[in-house]
Amino acid sequence: MNVSHRPATAEIYQTDLEQHLFAPAPRRNGRAQSQLGIEPLADWLRDWWQNGLSRWKAVAEAWNLG
């Protein structure tokens, strides 16, 4: 930056804003779920849902209304 040219605050803000808005997106490595540790919860929830469905299906088959 030139010492003779002192930018105004508006110029600095505009430059920072333009860099923020038009900067390329950061690279993402891997899946976001593995970073958050959601996979064990997702596995448990899937197992719980599948077991619940099979239990309700068995109850419905055992309880014959006809």
Protein backbone atom coordinates (compact mmCIF):
# COMPACT_ATOMS: atom_id res chain seq x y z
CA MET A 1 0.00 0.00 0.00
CA ASN A 2 1.29 3.43 -0.89
CA VAL A 3 1.96 5.78 1.96
CA SER A 4 0.76 8.66 -0.17
CA HIS A 5 -2.59 6.96 -0.79
CA ARG A 6 -4.52 6.37 2.43
CA PRO A 7 -7.76 4.55 1.66
CA ALA A 8 -10.95 5.65 3.30
CA THR A 9 -12.80 3.29 5.61
CA ALA A 10 -15.49 2.76 2.98
CA GLU A 11 -12.87 1.59 0.47
CA ILE A 12 -11.41 -0.90 2.95
CA TYR A 13 -14.84 -2.21 3.86
CA GLN A 14 -15.85 -2.53 0.21
CA THR A 15 -12.66 -4.43 -0.62
CA ASP A 16 -13.17 -6.84 2.31
CA LEU A 17 -16.81 -7.33 1.41
CA GLU A 18 -15.97 -8.06 -2.22
CA GLN A 19 -13.33 -10.58 -1.16
CA HIS A 20 -15.81 -12.23 1.16
CA LEU A 21 -18.64 -12.38 -1.37
CA PHE A 22 -16.65 -13.45 -4.39
CA ALA A 23 -14.02 -15.67 -2.81
CA PRO A 24 -14.08 -19.29 -3.94
CA ALA A 25 -15.75 -21.72 -1.55
CA PRO A 26 -13.37 -23.50 0.82
CA ARG A 27 -12.56 -27.10 -0.01
CA ARG A 28 -14.31 -29.72 2.01
CA ASN A 29 -12.51 -32.94 2.76
CA GLY A 30 -14.57 -36.00 3.53
CA ARG A 31 -18.19 -36.17 4.49
CA ALA A 32 -19.66 -33.67 6.90
CA GLN A 33 -21.38 -36.43 8.86
CA SER A 34 -18.12 -38.09 9.81
CA GLN A 35 -16.82 -34.78 11.12
CA LEU A 36 -19.91 -34.30 13.28
CA GLY A 37 -20.01 -37.87 14.60
CA ILE A 38 -23.57 -38.47 13.40
CA GLU A 39 -22.93 -41.92 11.94
CA PRO A 40 -23.34 -43.89 15.23
CA LEU A 41 -26.58 -42.05 15.95
CA ALA A 42 -27.83 -42.67 12.42
CA ASP A 43 -26.99 -46.38 12.72
CA TRP A 44 -28.81 -46.65 16.06
CA LEU A 45 -31.85 -44.80 14.75
CA ARG A 46 -32.03 -46.98 11.62
CA ASP A 47 -31.81 -50.16 13.72
CA TRP A 48 -34.43 -48.88 16.17
CA TRP A 49 -36.80 -47.99 13.31
CA GLN A 50 -36.36 -51.32 11.54
CA ASN A 51 -36.84 -53.33 14.76
CA GLY A 52 -39.91 -51.31 15.65
CA LEU A 53 -41.44 -51.91 12.23
CA SER A 54 -40.84 -55.64 12.46
CA ARG A 55 -42.37 -55.76 15.97
CA TRP A 56 -45.49 -53.88 14.86
CA LYS A 57 -45.78 -56.08 11.79
CA ALA A 58 -45.58 -59.22 13.99
CA VAL A 59 -48.25 -57.81 16.34
CA ALA A 60 -50.53 -56.98 13.40
CA GLU A 61 -50.14 -60.47 11.94
CA ALA A 62 -50.76 -62.12 15.33
CA TRP A 63 -53.87 -60.06 15.99
CA ASN A 64 -56.19 -61.20 13.27
CA LEU A 65 -59.41 -59.22 13.22
CA GLY A 66 -61.05 -61.44 10.65
